[in-house]
Amino acid sequence: YKLYYFTITTGKRIGVCKQKAFEGIFRARQLGGEHARVIGV
C-alpha cells in the first residue's frame, strides 16, 4: 500500500521545479498519507 509518487519535469529553472515538487508532495500526502514518498525528477 506504500506509494512512491514520481513528479517529472524537463524544467531547468528552480521555480518550475519547486512547483512540481510541492504538487507531488500534496498529491502524495493526499493519496498515501504519511506512508507516501515523493521522487522529484
Full PDB file with SEQRES, HELIX, SHEET, SSBOND, CRYST1, ORIGX, SCALE, CONECT and MASTER records, all heavy atoms in Angstrom:
SEQRES   1 A   41  TYR LYS LEU TYR TYR PHE THR ILE THR THR GLY LYS ARG          
SEQRES   2 A   41  ILE GLY VAL CYS LYS GLN LYS ALA PHE GLU GLY ILE PHE          
SEQRES   3 A   41  ARG ALA ARG GLN LEU GLY GLY GLU HIS ALA ARG VAL ILE          
SEQRES   4 A   41  GLY VAL                                                      
HELIX    1 AA1 ILE A   14  GLY A   32  1                                  19    
HELIX    2 AA2 GLY A   33  HIS A   35  5                                   3    
SHEET    1 AA1 2 TYR A   4  THR A   7  0                                        
SHEET    2 AA1 2 ARG A  37  GLY A  40  1                                        
CRYST1    1.000    1.000    1.000  90.00  90.00  90.00 P 1           1          
ORIGX1      1.000000  0.000000  0.000000        0.00000                         
ORIGX2      0.000000  1.000000  0.000000        0.00000                         
ORIGX3      0.000000  0.000000  1.000000        0.00000                         
SCALE1      1.000000  0.000000  0.000000        0.00000                         
SCALE2      0.000000  1.000000  0.000000        0.00000                         
SCALE3      0.000000  0.000000  1.000000        0.00000                         
ATOM      1  N   TYR A   1       0.829  -1.206   0.000  1.00  0.00           N  
ATOM      2  CA  TYR A   1       0.000   0.000   0.000  1.00  0.00           C  
ATOM      3  C   TYR A   1       0.864   1.258   0.000  1.00  0.00           C  
ATOM      4  O   TYR A   1       0.341   2.368  -0.038  1.00  0.00           O  
ATOM      5  CB  TYR A   1      -0.920   0.027   1.230  1.00  0.00           C  
ATOM      6  CG  TYR A   1      -0.169   0.003   2.540  1.00  0.00           C  
ATOM      7  CD1 TYR A   1       0.400   1.151   3.074  1.00  0.00           C  
ATOM      8  CD2 TYR A   1      -0.012  -1.180   3.244  1.00  0.00           C  
ATOM      9  CE1 TYR A   1       1.114   1.130   4.252  1.00  0.00           C  
ATOM     10  CE2 TYR A   1       0.695  -1.221   4.432  1.00  0.00           C  
ATOM     11  CZ  TYR A   1       1.250  -0.065   4.937  1.00  0.00           C  
ATOM     12  OH  TYR A   1       1.958  -0.091   6.110  1.00  0.00           O  
ATOM     13  N   LYS A   2       2.196   1.088   0.060  1.00  0.00           N  
ATOM     14  CA  LYS A   2       3.084   2.241   0.159  1.00  0.00           C  
ATOM     15  C   LYS A   2       3.303   2.862  -1.212  1.00  0.00           C  
ATOM     16  O   LYS A   2       3.685   2.196  -2.168  1.00  0.00           O  
ATOM     17  CB  LYS A   2       4.425   1.842   0.769  1.00  0.00           C  
ATOM     18  CG  LYS A   2       5.324   3.030   1.062  1.00  0.00           C  
ATOM     19  CD  LYS A   2       6.464   2.662   1.984  1.00  0.00           C  
ATOM     20  CE  LYS A   2       7.287   3.893   2.352  1.00  0.00           C  
ATOM     21  NZ  LYS A   2       8.296   3.603   3.380  1.00  0.00           N  
ATOM     22  N   LEU A   3       3.085   4.173  -1.273  1.00  0.00           N  
ATOM     23  CA  LEU A   3       3.065   4.908  -2.534  1.00  0.00           C  
ATOM     24  C   LEU A   3       4.413   5.578  -2.786  1.00  0.00           C  
ATOM     25  O   LEU A   3       4.955   6.250  -1.912  1.00  0.00           O  
ATOM     26  CB  LEU A   3       1.973   5.970  -2.449  1.00  0.00           C  
ATOM     27  CG  LEU A   3       1.448   6.601  -3.724  1.00  0.00           C  
ATOM     28  CD1 LEU A   3       0.600   5.594  -4.477  1.00  0.00           C  
ATOM     29  CD2 LEU A   3       0.601   7.820  -3.372  1.00  0.00           C  
ATOM     30  N   TYR A   4       4.939   5.388  -4.001  1.00  0.00           N  
ATOM     31  CA  TYR A   4       6.105   6.135  -4.466  1.00  0.00           C  
ATOM     32  C   TYR A   4       5.633   6.990  -5.637  1.00  0.00           C  
ATOM     33  O   TYR A   4       5.316   6.476  -6.709  1.00  0.00           O  
ATOM     34  CB  TYR A   4       7.226   5.189  -4.883  1.00  0.00           C  
ATOM     35  CG  TYR A   4       7.753   4.348  -3.737  1.00  0.00           C  
ATOM     36  CD1 TYR A   4       7.171   3.120  -3.429  1.00  0.00           C  
ATOM     37  CD2 TYR A   4       8.811   4.796  -2.951  1.00  0.00           C  
ATOM     38  CE1 TYR A   4       7.634   2.356  -2.367  1.00  0.00           C  
ATOM     39  CE2 TYR A   4       9.291   4.032  -1.899  1.00  0.00           C  
ATOM     40  CZ  TYR A   4       8.693   2.824  -1.607  1.00  0.00           C  
ATOM     41  OH  TYR A   4       9.150   2.068  -0.553  1.00  0.00           O  
ATOM     42  N   TYR A   5       5.570   8.278  -5.402  1.00  0.00           N  
ATOM     43  CA  TYR A   5       4.945   9.214  -6.338  1.00  0.00           C  
ATOM     44  C   TYR A   5       6.048   9.970  -7.080  1.00  0.00           C  
ATOM     45  O   TYR A   5       6.829  10.706  -6.475  1.00  0.00           O  
ATOM     46  CB  TYR A   5       4.056  10.174  -5.542  1.00  0.00           C  
ATOM     47  CG  TYR A   5       3.177  11.094  -6.352  1.00  0.00           C  
ATOM     48  CD1 TYR A   5       1.806  10.910  -6.372  1.00  0.00           C  
ATOM     49  CD2 TYR A   5       3.705  12.157  -7.073  1.00  0.00           C  
ATOM     50  CE1 TYR A   5       0.972  11.762  -7.096  1.00  0.00           C  
ATOM     51  CE2 TYR A   5       2.895  13.011  -7.802  1.00  0.00           C  
ATOM     52  CZ  TYR A   5       1.531  12.810  -7.807  1.00  0.00           C  
ATOM     53  OH  TYR A   5       0.717  13.645  -8.531  1.00  0.00           O  
ATOM     54  N   PHE A   6       6.109   9.785  -8.412  1.00  0.00           N  
ATOM     55  CA  PHE A   6       7.122  10.454  -9.234  1.00  0.00           C  
ATOM     56  C   PHE A   6       6.506  11.674  -9.898  1.00  0.00           C  
ATOM     57  O   PHE A   6       5.498  11.568 -10.599  1.00  0.00           O  
ATOM     58  CB  PHE A   6       7.651   9.507 -10.315  1.00  0.00           C  
ATOM     59  CG  PHE A   6       8.517   8.392  -9.792  1.00  0.00           C  
ATOM     60  CD1 PHE A   6       7.959   7.292  -9.165  1.00  0.00           C  
ATOM     61  CD2 PHE A   6       9.904   8.458  -9.928  1.00  0.00           C  
ATOM     62  CE1 PHE A   6       8.757   6.261  -8.682  1.00  0.00           C  
ATOM     63  CE2 PHE A   6      10.712   7.433  -9.451  1.00  0.00           C  
ATOM     64  CZ  PHE A   6      10.137   6.334  -8.825  1.00  0.00           C  
ATOM     65  N   THR A   7       7.113  12.829  -9.665  1.00  0.00           N  
ATOM     66  CA  THR A   7       6.693  14.041 -10.347  1.00  0.00           C  
ATOM     67  C   THR A   7       7.855  14.498 -11.224  1.00  0.00           C  
ATOM     68  O   THR A   7       8.976  14.693 -10.747  1.00  0.00           O  
ATOM     69  CB  THR A   7       6.269  15.136  -9.344  1.00  0.00           C  
ATOM     70  OG1 THR A   7       5.930  16.332 -10.056  1.00  0.00           O  
ATOM     71  CG2 THR A   7       7.334  15.422  -8.307  1.00  0.00           C  
ATOM     72  N   ILE A   8       7.614  14.646 -12.524  1.00  0.00           N  
ATOM     73  CA  ILE A   8       8.700  14.741 -13.510  1.00  0.00           C  
ATOM     74  C   ILE A   8       8.534  15.981 -14.380  1.00  0.00           C  
ATOM     75  O   ILE A   8       7.443  16.264 -14.874  1.00  0.00           O  
ATOM     76  CB  ILE A   8       8.706  13.470 -14.393  1.00  0.00           C  
ATOM     77  CG1 ILE A   8       8.927  12.233 -13.510  1.00  0.00           C  
ATOM     78  CG2 ILE A   8       9.781  13.546 -15.470  1.00  0.00           C  
ATOM     79  CD1 ILE A   8       8.671  10.927 -14.202  1.00  0.00           C  
ATOM     80  N   THR A   9       9.632  16.704 -14.565  1.00  0.00           N  
ATOM     81  CA  THR A   9       9.612  17.869 -15.439  1.00  0.00           C  
ATOM     82  C   THR A   9      10.948  17.989 -16.165  1.00  0.00           C  
ATOM     83  O   THR A   9      11.996  17.650 -15.615  1.00  0.00           O  
ATOM     84  CB  THR A   9       9.339  19.168 -14.655  1.00  0.00           C  
ATOM     85  OG1 THR A   9       9.429  20.291 -15.545  1.00  0.00           O  
ATOM     86  CG2 THR A   9      10.350  19.374 -13.531  1.00  0.00           C  
ATOM     87  N   THR A  10      10.896  18.467 -17.399  1.00  0.00           N  
ATOM     88  CA  THR A  10      12.130  18.769 -18.134  1.00  0.00           C  
ATOM     89  C   THR A  10      12.613  20.183 -17.819  1.00  0.00           C  
ATOM     90  O   THR A  10      13.562  20.664 -18.417  1.00  0.00           O  
ATOM     91  CB  THR A  10      11.917  18.635 -19.650  1.00  0.00           C  
ATOM     92  OG1 THR A  10      10.803  19.451 -20.031  1.00  0.00           O  
ATOM     93  CG2 THR A  10      11.656  17.200 -20.047  1.00  0.00           C  
ATOM     94  N   GLY A  11      11.959  20.828 -16.854  1.00  0.00           N  
ATOM     95  CA  GLY A  11      12.321  22.190 -16.486  1.00  0.00           C  
ATOM     96  C   GLY A  11      13.732  22.297 -15.930  1.00  0.00           C  
ATOM     97  O   GLY A  11      14.245  21.373 -15.298  1.00  0.00           O  
ATOM     98  N   LYS A  12      14.348  23.468 -16.167  1.00  0.00           N  
ATOM     99  CA  LYS A  12      15.715  23.722 -15.703  1.00  0.00           C  
ATOM    100  C   LYS A  12      15.786  24.946 -14.801  1.00  0.00           C  
ATOM    101  O   LYS A  12      16.871  25.404 -14.461  1.00  0.00           O  
ATOM    102  CB  LYS A  12      16.643  23.926 -16.909  1.00  0.00           C  
ATOM    103  CG  LYS A  12      16.706  22.727 -17.850  1.00  0.00           C  
ATOM    104  CD  LYS A  12      17.519  23.056 -19.090  1.00  0.00           C  
ATOM    105  CE  LYS A  12      17.493  21.894 -20.083  1.00  0.00           C  
ATOM    106  NZ  LYS A  12      18.224  22.228 -21.328  1.00  0.00           N  
ATOM    107  N   ARG A  13      14.615  25.464 -14.400  1.00  0.00           N  
ATOM    108  CA  ARG A  13      14.580  26.628 -13.522  1.00  0.00           C  
ATOM    109  C   ARG A  13      13.935  26.247 -12.206  1.00  0.00           C  
ATOM    110  O   ARG A  13      12.970  25.482 -12.153  1.00  0.00           O  
ATOM    111  CB  ARG A  13      13.837  27.792 -14.177  1.00  0.00           C  
ATOM    112  CG  ARG A  13      14.412  28.183 -15.533  1.00  0.00           C  
ATOM    113  CD  ARG A  13      13.851  29.480 -16.040  1.00  0.00           C  
ATOM    114  NE  ARG A  13      14.285  30.617 -15.237  1.00  0.00           N  
ATOM    115  CZ  ARG A  13      15.467  31.228 -15.358  1.00  0.00           C  
ATOM    116  NH1 ARG A  13      16.338  30.802 -16.256  1.00  0.00           N  
ATOM    117  NH2 ARG A  13      15.780  32.243 -14.595  1.00  0.00           N  
ATOM    118  N   ILE A  14      14.466  26.812 -11.125  1.00  0.00           N  
ATOM    119  CA  ILE A  14      14.062  26.366  -9.793  1.00  0.00           C  
ATOM    120  C   ILE A  14      12.581  26.625  -9.507  1.00  0.00           C  
ATOM    121  O   ILE A  14      11.938  25.844  -8.808  1.00  0.00           O  
ATOM    122  CB  ILE A  14      14.946  27.031  -8.709  1.00  0.00           C  
ATOM    123  CG1 ILE A  14      14.749  26.303  -7.370  1.00  0.00           C  
ATOM    124  CG2 ILE A  14      14.688  28.530  -8.609  1.00  0.00           C  
ATOM    125  CD1 ILE A  14      15.784  26.668  -6.328  1.00  0.00           C  
ATOM    126  N   GLY A  15      12.020  27.703 -10.071  1.00  0.00           N  
ATOM    127  CA  GLY A  15      10.609  27.996  -9.827  1.00  0.00           C  
ATOM    128  C   GLY A  15       9.693  26.881 -10.320  1.00  0.00           C  
ATOM    129  O   GLY A  15       8.797  26.437  -9.614  1.00  0.00           O  
ATOM    130  N   VAL A  16       9.936  26.439 -11.557  1.00  0.00           N  
ATOM    131  CA  VAL A  16       9.128  25.362 -12.149  1.00  0.00           C  
ATOM    132  C   VAL A  16       9.330  24.065 -11.374  1.00  0.00           C  
ATOM    133  O   VAL A  16       8.367  23.353 -11.057  1.00  0.00           O  
ATOM    134  CB  VAL A  16       9.515  25.163 -13.626  1.00  0.00           C  
ATOM    135  CG1 VAL A  16       8.833  23.925 -14.198  1.00  0.00           C  
ATOM    136  CG2 VAL A  16       9.145  26.390 -14.437  1.00  0.00           C  
ATOM    137  N   CYS A  17      10.586  23.762 -11.047  1.00  0.00           N  
ATOM    138  CA  CYS A  17      10.896  22.501 -10.359  1.00  0.00           C  
ATOM    139  C   CYS A  17      10.328  22.482  -8.946  1.00  0.00           C  
ATOM    140  O   CYS A  17       9.865  21.438  -8.468  1.00  0.00           O  
ATOM    141  CB  CYS A  17      12.403  22.271 -10.331  1.00  0.00           C  
ATOM    142  SG  CYS A  17      13.131  22.160 -11.984  1.00  0.00           S  
ATOM    143  N   LYS A  18      10.335  23.626  -8.279  1.00  0.00           N  
ATOM    144  CA  LYS A  18       9.771  23.709  -6.925  1.00  0.00           C  
ATOM    145  C   LYS A  18       8.255  23.514  -6.970  1.00  0.00           C  
ATOM    146  O   LYS A  18       7.677  22.829  -6.124  1.00  0.00           O  
ATOM    147  CB  LYS A  18      10.111  25.062  -6.298  1.00  0.00           C  
ATOM    148  CG  LYS A  18       9.760  25.152  -4.817  1.00  0.00           C  
ATOM    149  CD  LYS A  18       9.936  26.568  -4.282  1.00  0.00           C  
ATOM    150  CE  LYS A  18      11.373  27.039  -4.395  1.00  0.00           C  
ATOM    151  NZ  LYS A  18      11.558  28.377  -3.786  1.00  0.00           N  
ATOM    152  N   GLN A  19       7.616  24.133  -7.958  1.00  0.00           N  
ATOM    153  CA  GLN A  19       6.176  23.982  -8.111  1.00  0.00           C  
ATOM    154  C   GLN A  19       5.795  22.514  -8.325  1.00  0.00           C  
ATOM    155  O   GLN A  19       4.854  22.005  -7.712  1.00  0.00           O  
ATOM    156  CB  GLN A  19       5.680  24.826  -9.293  1.00  0.00           C  
ATOM    157  CG  GLN A  19       4.180  24.747  -9.517  1.00  0.00           C  
ATOM    158  CD  GLN A  19       3.730  25.594 -10.705  1.00  0.00           C  
ATOM    159  OE1 GLN A  19       4.482  26.406 -11.220  1.00  0.00           O  
ATOM    160  NE2 GLN A  19       2.514  25.392 -11.144  1.00  0.00           N  
ATOM    161  N   LYS A  20       6.539  21.821  -9.185  1.00  0.00           N  
ATOM    162  CA  LYS A  20       6.286  20.397  -9.419  1.00  0.00           C  
ATOM    163  C   LYS A  20       6.527  19.577  -8.159  1.00  0.00           C  
ATOM    164  O   LYS A  20       5.789  18.629  -7.866  1.00  0.00           O  
ATOM    165  CB  LYS A  20       7.168  19.893 -10.558  1.00  0.00           C  
ATOM    166  CG  LYS A  20       6.730  20.317 -11.938  1.00  0.00           C  
ATOM    167  CD  LYS A  20       5.481  19.577 -12.392  1.00  0.00           C  
ATOM    168  CE  LYS A  20       5.756  18.136 -12.736  1.00  0.00           C  
ATOM    169  NZ  LYS A  20       4.574  17.426 -13.287  1.00  0.00           N  
ATOM    170  N   ALA A  21       7.567  19.928  -7.385  1.00  0.00           N  
ATOM    171  CA  ALA A  21       7.871  19.194  -6.157  1.00  0.00           C  
ATOM    172  C   ALA A  21       6.738  19.333  -5.147  1.00  0.00           C  
ATOM    173  O   ALA A  21       6.286  18.330  -4.554  1.00  0.00           O  
ATOM    174  CB  ALA A  21       9.182  19.691  -5.564  1.00  0.00           C  
ATOM    175  N   PHE A  22       6.243  20.562  -4.951  1.00  0.00           N  
ATOM    176  CA  PHE A  22       5.160  20.766  -3.990  1.00  0.00           C  
ATOM    177  C   PHE A  22       3.859  20.123  -4.463  1.00  0.00           C  
ATOM    178  O   PHE A  22       3.087  19.608  -3.655  1.00  0.00           O  
ATOM    179  CB  PHE A  22       4.957  22.259  -3.722  1.00  0.00           C  
ATOM    180  CG  PHE A  22       5.890  22.812  -2.697  1.00  0.00           C  
ATOM    181  CD1 PHE A  22       6.802  23.798  -3.037  1.00  0.00           C  
ATOM    182  CD2 PHE A  22       5.879  22.346  -1.396  1.00  0.00           C  
ATOM    183  CE1 PHE A  22       7.681  24.300  -2.094  1.00  0.00           C  
ATOM    184  CE2 PHE A  22       6.748  22.846  -0.446  1.00  0.00           C  
ATOM    185  CZ  PHE A  22       7.657  23.829  -0.787  1.00  0.00           C  
ATOM    186  N   GLU A  23       3.622  20.163  -5.758  1.00  0.00           N  
ATOM    187  CA  GLU A  23       2.446  19.471  -6.303  1.00  0.00           C  
ATOM    188  C   GLU A  23       2.522  17.981  -5.989  1.00  0.00           C  
ATOM    189  O   GLU A  23       1.536  17.359  -5.579  1.00  0.00           O  
ATOM    190  CB  GLU A  23       2.380  19.689  -7.812  1.00  0.00           C  
ATOM    191  CG  GLU A  23       1.256  18.940  -8.512  1.00  0.00           C  
ATOM    192  CD  GLU A  23       1.380  18.996 -10.027  1.00  0.00           C  
ATOM    193  OE1 GLU A  23       1.847  20.033 -10.559  1.00  0.00           O  
ATOM    194  OE2 GLU A  23       1.048  18.000 -10.679  1.00  0.00           O  
ATOM    195  N   GLY A  24       3.716  17.394  -6.168  1.00  0.00           N  
ATOM    196  CA  GLY A  24       3.897  15.977  -5.866  1.00  0.00           C  
ATOM    197  C   GLY A  24       3.709  15.669  -4.393  1.00  0.00           C  
ATOM    198  O   GLY A  24       3.066  14.677  -4.027  1.00  0.00           O  
ATOM    199  N   ILE A  25       4.251  16.524  -3.521  1.00  0.00           N  
ATOM    200  CA  ILE A  25       4.112  16.314  -2.074  1.00  0.00           C  
ATOM    201  C   ILE A  25       2.647  16.368  -1.667  1.00  0.00           C  
ATOM    202  O   ILE A  25       2.157  15.519  -0.900  1.00  0.00           O  
ATOM    203  CB  ILE A  25       4.930  17.374  -1.301  1.00  0.00           C  
ATOM    204  CG1 ILE A  25       6.426  17.126  -1.497  1.00  0.00           C  
ATOM    205  CG2 ILE A  25       4.591  17.352   0.188  1.00  0.00           C  
ATOM    206  CD1 ILE A  25       7.295  18.287  -1.057  1.00  0.00           C  
ATOM    207  N   PHE A  26       1.914  17.348  -2.193  1.00  0.00           N  
ATOM    208  CA  PHE A  26       0.496  17.482  -1.862  1.00  0.00           C  
ATOM    209  C   PHE A  26      -0.293  16.254  -2.300  1.00  0.00           C  
ATOM    210  O   PHE A  26      -1.065  15.678  -1.527  1.00  0.00           O  
ATOM    211  CB  PHE A  26      -0.081  18.748  -2.515  1.00  0.00           C  
ATOM    212  CG  PHE A  26      -1.572  18.879  -2.358  1.00  0.00           C  
ATOM    213  CD1 PHE A  26      -2.124  19.296  -1.167  1.00  0.00           C  
ATOM    214  CD2 PHE A  26      -2.427  18.550  -3.408  1.00  0.00           C  
ATOM    215  CE1 PHE A  26      -3.498  19.405  -1.006  1.00  0.00           C  
ATOM    216  CE2 PHE A  26      -3.806  18.652  -3.273  1.00  0.00           C  
ATOM    217  CZ  PHE A  26      -4.345  19.085  -2.064  1.00  0.00           C  
ATOM    218  N   ARG A  27      -0.116  15.836  -3.557  1.00  0.00           N  
ATOM    219  CA  ARG A  27      -0.871  14.693  -4.081  1.00  0.00           C  
ATOM    220  C   ARG A  27      -0.482  13.393  -3.361  1.00  0.00           C  
ATOM    221  O   ARG A  27      -1.336  12.559  -3.058  1.00  0.00           O  
ATOM    222  CB  ARG A  27      -0.628  14.544  -5.577  1.00  0.00           C  
ATOM    223  CG  ARG A  27      -1.269  15.620  -6.408  1.00  0.00           C  
ATOM    224  CD  ARG A  27      -2.764  15.410  -6.532  1.00  0.00           C  
ATOM    225  NE  ARG A  27      -3.367  16.489  -7.300  1.00  0.00           N  
ATOM    226  CZ  ARG A  27      -4.424  17.188  -6.922  1.00  0.00           C  
ATOM    227  NH1 ARG A  27      -4.986  16.912  -5.753  1.00  0.00           N  
ATOM    228  NH2 ARG A  27      -4.914  18.139  -7.671  1.00  0.00           N  
ATOM    229  N   ALA A  28       0.814  13.233  -3.086  1.00  0.00           N  
ATOM    230  CA  ALA A  28       1.260  12.015  -2.403  1.00  0.00           C  
ATOM    231  C   ALA A  28       0.682  11.933  -1.006  1.00  0.00           C  
ATOM    232  O   ALA A  28       0.218  10.870  -0.566  1.00  0.00           O  
ATOM    233  CB  ALA A  28       2.784  11.965  -2.359  1.00  0.00           C  
ATOM    234  N   ARG A  29       0.686  13.039  -0.276  1.00  0.00           N  
ATOM    235  CA  ARG A  29       0.091  13.050   1.067  1.00  0.00           C  
ATOM    236  C   ARG A  29      -1.402  12.784   0.991  1.00  0.00           C  
ATOM    237  O   ARG A  29      -1.969  12.080   1.833  1.00  0.00           O  
ATOM    238  CB  ARG A  29       0.334  14.413   1.729  1.00  0.00           C  
ATOM    239  CG  ARG A  29       1.748  14.615   2.251  1.00  0.00           C  
ATOM    240  CD  ARG A  29       1.862  15.989   2.883  1.00  0.00           C  
ATOM    241  NE  ARG A  29       3.179  16.239   3.458  1.00  0.00           N  
ATOM    242  CZ  ARG A  29       3.541  17.396   4.000  1.00  0.00           C  
ATOM    243  NH1 ARG A  29       2.684  18.415   4.004  1.00  0.00           N  
ATOM    244  NH2 ARG A  29       4.750  17.542   4.515  1.00  0.00           N  
ATOM    245  N   GLN A  30      -2.043  13.376  -0.014  1.00  0.00           N  
ATOM    246  CA  GLN A  30      -3.482  13.211  -0.170  1.00  0.00           C  
ATOM    247  C   GLN A  30      -3.846  11.749  -0.390  1.00  0.00           C  
ATOM    248  O   GLN A  30      -4.800  11.235   0.206  1.00  0.00           O  
ATOM    249  CB  GLN A  30      -3.966  14.060  -1.354  1.00  0.00           C  
ATOM    250  CG  GLN A  30      -5.467  13.989  -1.616  1.00  0.00           C  
ATOM    251  CD  GLN A  30      -5.853  14.745  -2.866  1.00  0.00           C  
ATOM    252  OE1 GLN A  30      -5.055  14.870  -3.802  1.00  0.00           O  
ATOM    253  NE2 GLN A  30      -7.073  15.253  -2.911  1.00  0.00           N  
ATOM    254  N   LEU A  31      -3.079  11.061  -1.222  1.00  0.00           N  
ATOM    255  CA  LEU A  31      -3.397   9.670  -1.566  1.00  0.00           C  
ATOM    256  C   LEU A  31      -2.809   8.663  -0.582  1.00  0.00           C  
ATOM    257  O   LEU A  31      -3.461   7.700  -0.214  1.00  0.00           O  
ATOM    258  CB  LEU A  31      -2.884   9.357  -2.975  1.00  0.00           C  
ATOM    259  CG  LEU A  31      -3.556  10.082  -4.130  1.00  0.00           C  
ATOM    260  CD1 LEU A  31      -2.821   9.797  -5.430  1.00  0.00           C  
ATOM    261  CD2 LEU A  31      -5.012   9.668  -4.252  1.00  0.00           C  
ATOM    262  N   GLY A  32      -1.547   8.875  -0.195  1.00  0.00           N  
ATOM    263  CA  GLY A  32      -0.853   7.861   0.596  1.00  0.00           C  
ATOM    264  C   GLY A  32      -0.544   8.236   2.020  1.00  0.00           C  
ATOM    265  O   GLY A  32       0.009   7.432   2.769  1.00  0.00           O  
ATOM    266  N   GLY A  33      -0.881   9.479   2.433  1.00  0.00           N  
ATOM    267  CA  GLY A  33      -0.650   9.911   3.798  1.00  0.00           C  
ATOM    268  C   GLY A  33       0.832   9.923   4.158  1.00  0.00           C  
ATOM    269  O   GLY A  33       1.703  10.135   3.318  1.00  0.00           O  
ATOM    270  N   GLU A  34       1.113   9.673   5.433  1.00  0.00           N  
ATOM    271  CA  GLU A  34       2.489   9.699   5.926  1.00  0.00           C  
ATOM    272  C   GLU A  34       3.348   8.606   5.306  1.00  0.00           C  
ATOM    273  O   GLU A  34       4.574   8.682   5.327  1.00  0.00           O  
ATOM    274  CB  GLU A  34       2.507   9.509   7.442  1.00  0.00           C  
ATOM    275  CG  GLU A  34       1.933  10.648   8.245  1.00  0.00           C  
ATOM    276  CD  GLU A  34       2.015  10.346   9.719  1.00  0.00           C  
ATOM    277  OE1 GLU A  34       1.215   9.524  10.206  1.00  0.00           O  
ATOM    278  OE2 GLU A  34       2.899  10.912  10.395  1.00  0.00           O  
ATOM    279  N   HIS A  35       2.699   7.579   4.777  1.00  0.00           N  
ATOM    280  CA  HIS A  35       3.442   6.437   4.243  1.00  0.00           C  
ATOM    281  C   HIS A  35       4.057   6.739   2.877  1.00  0.00           C  
ATOM    282  O   HIS A  35       4.959   6.030   2.431  1.00  0.00           O  
ATOM    283  CB  HIS A  35       2.512   5.225   4.117  1.00  0.00           C  
ATOM    284  CG  HIS A  35       1.717   4.968   5.350  1.00  0.00           C  
ATOM    285  ND1 HIS A  35       2.213   4.247   6.406  1.00  0.00           N  
ATOM    286  CD2 HIS A  35       0.460   5.339   5.713  1.00  0.00           C  
ATOM    287  CE1 HIS A  35       1.298   4.188   7.368  1.00  0.00           C  
ATOM    288  NE2 HIS A  35       0.226   4.844   6.965  1.00  0.00           N  
ATOM    289  N   ALA A  36       3.561   7.766   2.181  1.00  0.00           N  
ATOM    290  CA  ALA A  36       3.971   8.024   0.798  1.00  0.00           C  
ATOM    291  C   ALA A  36       5.351   8.665   0.735  1.00  0.00           C  
ATOM    292  O   ALA A  36       5.771   9.391   1.639  1.00  0.00           O  
ATOM    293  CB  ALA A  36       2.948   8.921   0.114  1.00  0.00           C  
ATOM    294  N   ARG A  37       6.042   8.400  -0.360  1.00  0.00           N  
ATOM    295  CA  ARG A  37       7.325   9.026  -0.641  1.00  0.00           C  
ATOM    296  C   ARG A  37       7.268   9.650  -2.034  1.00  0.00           C  
ATOM    297  O   ARG A  37       6.634   9.101  -2.944  1.00  0.00           O  
ATOM    298  CB  ARG A  37       8.465   8.006  -0.568  1.00  0.00           C  
ATOM    299  CG  ARG A  37       8.692   7.460   0.851  1.00  0.00           C  
ATOM    300  CD  ARG A  37       9.188   8.550   1.782  1.00  0.00           C  
ATOM    301  NE  ARG A  37       9.353   8.089   3.158  1.00  0.00           N  
ATOM    302  CZ  ARG A  37       8.445   8.235   4.115  1.00  0.00           C  
ATOM    303  NH1 ARG A  37       7.280   8.801   3.838  1.00  0.00           N  
ATOM    304  NH2 ARG A  37       8.675   7.832   5.332  1.00  0.00           N  
ATOM    305  N   VAL A  38       7.953  10.786  -2.201  1.00  0.00           N  
ATOM    306  CA  VAL A  38       7.931  11.526  -3.461  1.00  0.00           C  
ATOM    307  C   VAL A  38       9.316  11.508  -4.077  1.00  0.00           C  
ATOM    308  O   VAL A  38      10.317  11.704  -3.377  1.00  0.00           O  
ATOM    309  CB  VAL A  38       7.479  12.991  -3.236  1.00  0.00           C  
ATOM    310  CG1 VAL A  38       7.443  13.751  -4.559  1.00  0.00           C  
ATOM    311  CG2 VAL A  38       6.122  13.029  -2.554  1.00  0.00           C  
ATOM    312  N   ILE A  39       9.377  11.266  -5.380  1.00  0.00           N  
ATOM    313  CA  ILE A  39      10.630  11.363  -6.132  1.00  0.00           C  
ATOM    314  C   ILE A  39      10.429  12.447  -7.179  1.00  0.00           C  
ATOM    315  O   ILE A  39       9.591  12.308  -8.079  1.00  0.00           O  
ATOM    316  CB  ILE A  39      11.025  10.030  -6.796  1.00  0.00           C  
ATOM    317  CG1 ILE A  39      11.246   8.944  -5.753  1.00  0.00           C  
ATOM    318  CG2 ILE A  39      12.302  10.211  -7.616  1.00  0.00           C  
ATOM    319  CD1 ILE A  39      10.035   8.134  -5.397  1.00  0.00           C  
ATOM    320  N   GLY A  40      11.166  13.536  -7.037  1.00  0.00           N  
ATOM    321  CA  GLY A  40      11.081  14.637  -7.986  1.00  0.00           C  
ATOM    322  C   GLY A  40      12.209  14.551  -9.002  1.00  0.00           C  
ATOM    323  O   GLY A  40      13.378  14.520  -8.626  1.00  0.00           O  
ATOM    324  N   VAL A  41      11.858  14.489 -10.284  1.00  0.00           N  
ATOM    325  CA  VAL A  41      12.857  14.384 -11.350  1.00  0.00           C  
ATOM    326  C   VAL A  41      12.821  15.669 -12.171  1.00  0.00           C  
ATOM    327  O   VAL A  41      11.747  16.100 -12.605  1.00  0.00           O  
ATOM    328  CB  VAL A  41      12.583  13.175 -12.268  1.00  0.00           C  
ATOM    329  CG1 VAL A  41      13.668  13.051 -13.335  1.00  0.00           C  
ATOM    330  CG2 VAL A  41      12.490  11.888 -11.446  1.00  0.00           C  
TER     331      VAL A  41                                                      
MASTER        0    0    0    2    2    0    0    6  330    1    0    4          
END                                                                             
